[in-house]
Amino acid sequence: MRTLFLFAIWAFSTCVSAQSSGPLISRIAFGSCGHQDRPQPILDTAVTHRPDVFVFLGDNIYGDTKDMQVLRDKYAKLGAKPEFQRLKKAARLLATWDDHDYGWNDSGRHYPFKKESKEIFLEFWEEPADSPRRQREGIYTSYMFEGQGRRLQLILLDTRTFRDNLRTYRGELHWDDRYFYPLDYYPHETTDSTLLGEVQWKWLEAELRKPADLRIIGSSTQFSIMFNGYEAWANFPHERKRMLQLIQKTRANGVLFISGDVHYGEISVLREDGLYPIYDVTASGITSTWYFATPNDNRIEGPVMENHFGLITVDWNKRDPVVKMEIYDIRNNQRVEYSVPLSAISFR
């Protein structure tokens, strides 16, 4: 009897959580890497596509400071932008962080002001006072959108608060014949390091066990690309393997990643035996651009080197819903389009 009572409480809390996130949505826009000192007209471009939600995937400002007042002031610059305000009125804004808005370039768990930075982040993004984000370390969170007998789960990871140091080359620039640029980092070879941390991993497993048709996982750094010597999940290959194994273990259908960080846009796909393809749509260029795109054998669309945003549209009206992945540039040109039926990213 006690077991049934506890299960009823759990089921009720899960239902409340799902309902509090909102009705079913079909248009999710996203982007990253926007400097607070520069105009951000791409946000107005995004508004024209009428997204239900816009996800800021990190480097939402370039803080790079250990002075928390400087961090607050830079957030205030972003918040005051007319284009940001117009987007805020047009769509629900959700966010996670990457290194520059976390506080320091390429930083992880050793950044000394992560608690203070978290409070500033939550204040700016107007996190409710009763949000679980305010009760635990880190800013990872999830949302469930439900309607028409369907569920869309949006999971935002925290890839900074718990992450161990990257492995760096010491001394002079490191060159590798496989690449045309010097490499910053090399992969961890043992499992005694972490990207997400055990507490977040435990939470994520519970989230993936919740019923959902489509699960969009927001990661500030790229998930499905090949190793390129820069920041990415590929620097923690055992953690990426753990993610794939967790999806298999929980039989979580419809997992799709969105990511940022690299200052260009692309779609990558990771294929693993016993698992459906894991797509990763990268939109990284609200204001930032880069000189080149790194080699990526997993790339199937892109790169887009101009300022851009990403858009995922779900046609829930079809018996087998279709998930369309797009990238639009600053001139509102569709630069990338790739569609898959939901059954193609689900266990059969």
Protein backbone atom coordinates (compact mmCIF):
# COMPACT_ATOMS: atom_id res chain seq x y z
CA MET A 1 0.00 0.00 0.00
CA ARG A 2 2.84 2.37 0.91
CA THR A 3 4.51 1.65 -2.46
CA LEU A 4 1.30 2.49 -4.33
CA PHE A 5 0.95 5.70 -2.35
CA LEU A 6 4.51 6.79 -3.15
CA PHE A 7 4.01 5.93 -6.81
CA ALA A 8 0.84 8.03 -6.88
CA ILE A 9 2.74 10.99 -5.42
CA TRP A 10 5.51 10.55 -8.03
CA ALA A 11 2.99 10.28 -10.87
CA PHE A 12 1.15 13.37 -9.68
CA SER A 13 4.35 15.43 -9.37
CA THR A 14 5.44 14.31 -12.84
CA CYS A 15 2.06 15.33 -14.28
CA VAL A 16 2.20 18.72 -12.56
CA SER A 17 5.72 19.29 -13.86
CA ALA A 18 4.67 18.41 -17.40
CA GLN A 19 1.61 20.63 -17.27
CA SER A 20 3.59 23.56 -15.85
CA SER A 21 5.91 23.53 -18.87
CA GLY A 22 3.08 24.25 -21.27
CA PRO A 23 0.99 22.92 -24.16
CA LEU A 24 2.48 21.06 -27.09
CA ILE A 25 4.74 23.21 -29.27
CA SER A 26 5.93 22.71 -32.83
CA ARG A 27 8.49 25.46 -33.59
CA ILE A 28 11.72 25.67 -31.58
CA ALA A 29 14.27 28.30 -32.63
CA PHE A 30 17.73 28.45 -31.12
CA GLY A 31 21.10 30.14 -31.32
CA SER A 32 24.27 30.98 -29.44
CA CYS A 33 27.34 33.18 -29.40
CA GLY A 34 25.96 36.70 -29.26
CA HIS A 35 28.15 39.58 -28.13
CA GLN A 36 26.30 42.10 -26.01
CA ASP A 37 28.13 45.06 -27.61
CA ARG A 38 27.01 44.23 -31.15
CA PRO A 39 23.65 44.56 -32.91
CA GLN A 40 21.73 41.28 -33.10
CA PRO A 41 19.40 41.61 -36.11
CA ILE A 42 19.24 37.82 -36.48
CA LEU A 43 16.87 37.84 -33.50
CA ASP A 44 14.40 39.89 -35.56
CA THR A 45 14.82 37.39 -38.38
CA ALA A 46 13.94 34.61 -35.96
CA VAL A 47 10.78 36.45 -34.89
CA THR A 48 9.46 36.37 -38.47
CA HIS A 49 9.36 32.56 -38.24
CA ARG A 50 6.98 32.72 -35.26
CA PRO A 51 8.77 30.29 -32.94
CA ASP A 52 6.98 29.05 -29.84
CA VAL A 53 10.28 28.95 -27.97
CA PHE A 54 13.73 30.40 -28.53
CA VAL A 55 16.58 28.56 -26.79
CA PHE A 56 19.78 30.45 -26.00
CA LEU A 57 22.46 27.74 -25.99
CA GLY A 58 25.31 29.62 -24.35
CA ASP A 59 27.81 32.41 -24.88
CA ASN A 60 24.67 34.50 -24.64
CA ILE A 61 26.99 37.27 -23.49
CA TYR A 62 30.77 37.46 -23.46
CA GLY A 63 31.42 37.96 -19.76
CA ASP A 64 34.96 36.60 -19.35
CA THR A 65 35.40 38.17 -15.96
CA LYS A 66 35.81 37.45 -12.27
CA ASP A 67 34.01 40.68 -11.41
CA MET A 68 30.33 39.91 -10.91
CA GLN A 69 29.26 43.50 -11.45
CA VAL A 70 30.87 43.37 -14.90
CA LEU A 71 28.87 40.21 -15.58
CA ARG A 72 25.63 41.88 -14.47
CA ASP A 73 26.32 44.92 -16.62
CA LYS A 74 26.92 42.80 -19.71
CA TYR A 75 23.66 40.93 -19.19
CA ALA A 76 21.94 44.29 -18.82
CA LYS A 77 23.31 45.34 -22.22
CA LEU A 78 21.79 42.25 -23.81
CA GLY A 79 18.48 42.76 -22.03
CA ALA A 80 18.23 46.37 -23.18
CA LYS A 81 18.62 45.57 -26.88
CA PRO A 82 15.39 46.34 -28.80
CA GLU A 83 15.78 43.18 -30.89
CA PHE A 84 16.12 41.08 -27.73
CA GLN A 85 13.00 42.71 -26.29
CA ARG A 86 11.06 42.03 -29.48
CA LEU A 87 12.06 38.36 -29.38
CA LYS A 88 11.10 38.19 -25.71
CA LYS A 89 7.62 39.44 -26.55
CA ALA A 90 7.23 37.04 -29.46
CA ALA A 91 8.46 33.76 -27.95
CA ARG A 92 9.19 32.07 -24.68
CA LEU A 93 12.91 32.38 -23.92
CA LEU A 94 14.83 29.45 -22.41
CA ALA A 95 18.55 29.30 -21.80
CA THR A 96 21.61 27.41 -20.70
CA TRP A 97 25.18 28.71 -20.61
CA ASP A 98 28.58 28.07 -22.11
CA ASP A 99 31.99 29.26 -20.97
CA HIS A 100 31.79 32.99 -21.77
CA ASP A 101 28.54 33.62 -19.92
CA TYR A 102 29.46 31.08 -17.25
CA GLY A 103 32.36 33.40 -16.56
CA TRP A 104 35.66 32.53 -18.22
CA ASN A 105 36.89 31.15 -21.53
CA ASP A 106 36.93 27.32 -21.65
CA SER A 107 36.32 27.13 -17.89
CA GLY A 108 34.77 24.26 -15.98
CA ARG A 109 34.17 23.31 -12.37
CA HIS A 110 37.20 25.19 -11.07
CA TYR A 111 35.86 28.63 -12.00
CA PRO A 112 35.82 30.30 -8.56
CA PHE A 113 32.64 32.37 -9.00
CA LYS A 114 30.27 29.77 -10.42
CA LYS A 115 27.75 30.15 -7.58
CA GLU A 116 27.61 33.90 -8.00
CA SER A 117 27.44 33.57 -11.78
CA LYS A 118 24.54 31.13 -11.46
CA GLU A 119 22.49 33.61 -9.42
CA ILE A 120 23.08 36.34 -12.00
CA PHE A 121 22.10 33.92 -14.80
CA LEU A 122 18.87 32.90 -13.06
CA GLU A 123 17.98 36.50 -12.30
CA PHE A 124 18.48 37.65 -15.88
CA TRP A 125 16.49 34.77 -17.39
CA GLU A 126 13.71 35.35 -14.84
CA GLU A 127 13.80 31.86 -13.36
CA PRO A 128 10.81 31.35 -11.04
CA ALA A 129 11.51 31.47 -7.32
CA ASP A 130 10.29 27.89 -6.86
CA SER A 131 12.31 26.48 -9.78
CA PRO A 132 14.39 23.35 -9.04
CA ARG A 133 17.26 25.20 -10.69
CA ARG A 134 17.45 27.42 -7.62
CA GLN A 135 17.61 24.46 -5.24
CA ARG A 136 20.52 22.51 -6.72
CA GLU A 137 24.03 23.05 -7.97
CA GLY A 138 24.23 23.88 -11.65
CA ILE A 139 21.60 25.12 -14.09
CA TYR A 140 20.51 21.93 -15.88
CA THR A 141 16.75 21.70 -16.33
CA SER A 142 13.97 20.23 -18.45
CA TYR A 143 10.54 21.13 -19.81
CA MET A 144 7.67 18.96 -20.99
CA PHE A 145 5.19 20.22 -23.58
CA GLU A 146 2.07 18.11 -23.98
CA GLY A 147 -1.05 18.01 -26.15
CA GLN A 148 -2.87 16.07 -28.88
CA GLY A 149 -1.70 12.86 -27.23
CA ARG A 150 1.93 13.82 -27.85
CA ARG A 151 4.83 14.92 -25.65
CA LEU A 152 7.87 17.01 -26.51
CA GLN A 153 10.61 17.10 -23.88
CA LEU A 154 13.24 19.84 -23.92
CA ILE A 155 16.33 19.11 -21.81
CA LEU A 156 18.98 21.77 -21.21
CA LEU A 157 22.30 20.43 -19.97
CA ASP A 158 24.93 22.22 -17.89
CA THR A 159 28.33 21.44 -19.45
CA ARG A 160 30.31 23.83 -17.21
CA THR A 161 29.54 23.54 -13.50
CA PHE A 162 30.80 19.96 -13.09
CA ARG A 163 33.23 19.63 -15.99
CA ASP A 164 36.82 18.62 -15.27
CA ASN A 165 39.68 20.44 -16.92
CA LEU A 166 40.39 19.84 -20.57
CA ARG A 167 43.67 18.20 -21.52
CA THR A 168 45.90 20.85 -23.04
CA TYR A 169 49.12 20.75 -24.98
CA ARG A 170 51.93 22.44 -23.11
CA GLY A 171 54.54 24.66 -24.65
CA GLU A 172 54.41 25.50 -28.34
CA LEU A 173 51.42 25.14 -30.62
CA HIS A 174 50.59 21.53 -31.37
CA TRP A 175 50.21 20.54 -34.99
CA ASP A 176 48.77 17.30 -36.33
CA ASP A 177 49.07 16.22 -39.98
CA ARG A 178 45.32 15.48 -40.07
CA TYR A 179 44.44 19.14 -39.44
CA PHE A 180 45.35 22.45 -41.05
CA TYR A 181 45.33 24.39 -37.76
CA PRO A 182 46.99 23.89 -34.36
CA LEU A 183 44.99 21.86 -31.83
CA ASP A 184 44.02 23.25 -28.44
CA TYR A 185 43.06 20.03 -26.66
CA TYR A 186 43.32 16.26 -26.80
CA PRO A 187 40.81 13.67 -25.52
CA HIS A 188 40.70 12.18 -22.06
CA GLU A 189 41.72 8.54 -22.30
CA THR A 190 40.43 7.33 -18.94
CA THR A 191 37.07 7.47 -17.22
CA ASP A 192 38.21 9.35 -14.10
CA SER A 193 37.08 12.67 -15.56
CA THR A 194 33.60 14.02 -16.15
CA LEU A 195 31.68 16.47 -18.29
CA LEU A 196 28.25 16.38 -16.63
CA GLY A 197 29.02 15.11 -13.13
CA GLU A 198 27.34 12.21 -11.35
CA VAL A 199 24.42 14.20 -9.93
CA GLN A 200 23.48 15.55 -13.35
CA TRP A 201 23.89 12.10 -14.92
CA LYS A 202 21.49 10.62 -12.36
CA TRP A 203 18.99 13.39 -13.01
CA LEU A 204 19.31 12.91 -16.77
CA GLU A 205 18.56 9.20 -16.54
CA ALA A 206 15.35 9.98 -14.67
CA GLU A 207 14.40 12.53 -17.34
CA LEU A 208 15.01 10.10 -20.19
CA ARG A 209 12.75 7.57 -18.51
CA LYS A 210 9.79 9.96 -18.68
CA PRO A 211 7.41 9.20 -21.56
CA ALA A 212 8.00 11.51 -24.55
CA ASP A 213 7.75 11.31 -28.32
CA LEU A 214 10.53 13.78 -29.14
CA ARG A 215 13.38 14.87 -26.84
CA ILE A 216 15.48 17.87 -27.79
CA ILE A 217 18.66 18.01 -25.73
CA GLY A 218 20.39 21.38 -25.62
CA SER A 219 24.15 21.18 -25.14
CA SER A 220 26.36 24.25 -25.23
CA THR A 221 29.10 22.31 -27.03
CA GLN A 222 28.74 19.97 -29.99
CA PHE A 223 27.79 16.36 -29.38
CA SER A 224 27.84 14.43 -32.67
CA ILE A 225 30.95 15.78 -34.37
CA MET A 226 34.27 14.00 -34.81
CA PHE A 227 37.23 15.12 -32.69
CA ASN A 228 38.68 18.42 -33.93
CA GLY A 229 40.99 19.65 -31.17
CA TYR A 230 38.57 22.27 -29.89
CA GLU A 231 35.93 22.09 -27.17
CA ALA A 232 33.31 19.37 -27.73
CA TRP A 233 31.99 16.15 -26.24
CA ALA A 234 34.72 14.44 -28.30
CA ASN A 235 37.23 15.57 -25.65
CA PHE A 236 35.38 13.28 -23.21
CA PRO A 237 34.78 10.21 -25.39
CA HIS A 238 33.80 8.07 -22.38
CA GLU A 239 31.10 10.63 -21.48
CA ARG A 240 29.74 10.67 -25.01
CA LYS A 241 29.72 6.87 -24.97
CA ARG A 242 27.88 7.03 -21.66
CA MET A 243 25.22 9.25 -23.22
CA LEU A 244 24.68 6.83 -26.07
CA GLN A 245 24.50 3.90 -23.67
CA LEU A 246 22.05 5.79 -21.47
CA ILE A 247 19.74 6.41 -24.42
CA GLN A 248 19.90 2.69 -25.19
CA LYS A 249 19.40 1.69 -21.55
CA THR A 250 16.35 3.90 -21.03
CA ARG A 251 14.97 3.18 -24.51
CA ALA A 252 14.43 6.91 -24.86
CA ASN A 253 12.83 7.64 -28.21
CA GLY A 254 13.28 10.76 -30.30
CA VAL A 255 16.57 12.15 -28.96
CA LEU A 256 17.88 15.07 -31.00
CA PHE A 257 20.67 17.45 -29.96
CA ILE A 258 20.96 21.18 -30.53
CA SER A 259 24.30 22.86 -29.80
CA GLY A 260 26.40 25.99 -30.20
CA ASP A 261 29.90 27.30 -29.40
CA VAL A 262 31.80 27.07 -32.70
CA HIS A 263 30.68 30.25 -34.54
CA TYR A 264 29.20 28.45 -37.55
CA GLY A 265 26.20 26.27 -38.26
CA GLU A 266 25.92 22.65 -39.39
CA ILE A 267 24.11 19.35 -38.86
CA SER A 268 26.09 16.31 -37.76
CA VAL A 269 24.95 12.75 -37.20
CA LEU A 270 26.46 10.06 -34.99
CA ARG A 271 25.71 6.44 -35.76
CA GLU A 272 26.07 3.70 -33.16
CA ASP A 273 25.21 0.01 -33.37
CA GLY A 274 21.93 -0.74 -31.66
CA LEU A 275 20.84 2.90 -31.68
CA TYR A 276 19.03 5.17 -34.10
CA PRO A 277 21.03 8.09 -35.64
CA ILE A 278 21.77 10.90 -33.19
CA TYR A 279 21.45 14.23 -35.02
CA ASP A 280 23.08 17.40 -33.70
CA VAL A 281 21.98 20.75 -35.13
CA THR A 282 24.55 23.44 -34.37
CA ALA A 283 23.53 27.10 -34.52
CA SER A 284 26.35 29.33 -33.37
CA GLY A 285 26.48 32.80 -34.73
CA ILE A 286 24.03 35.35 -33.35
CA THR A 287 26.86 37.88 -33.76
CA SER A 288 29.99 35.71 -33.94
CA THR A 289 31.61 34.23 -37.03
CA TRP A 290 34.72 32.12 -37.55
CA TYR A 291 37.40 31.90 -40.23
CA PHE A 292 36.89 28.25 -41.11
CA ALA A 293 34.89 25.15 -40.26
CA THR A 294 36.85 22.29 -38.75
CA PRO A 295 36.97 18.86 -40.40
CA ASN A 296 33.93 16.80 -39.48
CA ASP A 297 33.26 13.48 -41.15
CA ASN A 298 29.90 13.41 -39.36
CA ARG A 299 28.69 16.61 -41.04
CA ILE A 300 25.71 16.08 -43.34
CA GLU A 301 24.66 19.73 -43.84
CA GLY A 302 26.56 23.01 -43.75
CA PRO A 303 28.69 24.71 -42.73
CA VAL A 304 26.97 28.09 -42.57
CA MET A 305 29.60 30.73 -41.84
CA GLU A 306 27.38 33.84 -41.73
CA ASN A 307 25.29 34.91 -38.72
CA HIS A 308 22.30 32.59 -38.39
CA PHE A 309 19.82 30.81 -36.12
CA GLY A 310 18.47 27.27 -36.04
CA LEU A 311 14.85 26.14 -36.26
CA ILE A 312 13.22 22.80 -35.57
CA THR A 313 9.65 22.39 -36.80
CA VAL A 314 7.54 19.35 -35.95
CA ASP A 315 4.52 18.39 -38.02
CA TRP A 316 2.43 16.69 -35.36
CA ASN A 317 -0.51 16.24 -37.73
CA LYS A 318 1.07 13.35 -39.60
CA ARG A 319 0.64 9.81 -38.33
CA ASP A 320 4.43 9.60 -38.25
CA PRO A 321 5.36 13.18 -37.25
CA VAL A 322 8.09 14.81 -39.34
CA VAL A 323 10.95 16.69 -37.67
CA LYS A 324 12.42 19.39 -39.90
CA MET A 325 15.82 20.88 -39.04
CA GLU A 326 16.72 24.24 -40.62
CA ILE A 327 19.29 27.01 -40.44
CA TYR A 328 18.49 30.54 -41.65
CA ASP A 329 21.11 33.20 -42.25
CA ILE A 330 21.03 36.94 -41.61
CA ARG A 331 19.30 37.59 -44.97
CA ASN A 332 16.58 35.10 -44.00
CA ASN A 333 17.84 32.62 -46.58
CA GLN A 334 17.24 29.00 -45.73
CA ARG A 335 20.76 27.56 -45.82
CA VAL A 336 20.08 24.11 -44.39
CA GLU A 337 17.05 21.84 -44.42
CA TYR A 338 17.00 18.22 -43.32
CA SER A 339 13.87 16.30 -42.35
CA VAL A 340 13.35 12.92 -40.71
CA PRO A 341 10.20 11.08 -39.65
CA LEU A 342 9.99 10.59 -35.90
CA SER A 343 10.12 6.83 -36.45
CA ALA A 344 13.65 7.21 -37.88
CA ILE A 345 14.93 8.47 -34.53
CA SER A 346 13.05 6.01 -32.36
CA PHE A 347 13.51 2.43 -31.24
CA ARG A 348 11.40 0.09 -33.31
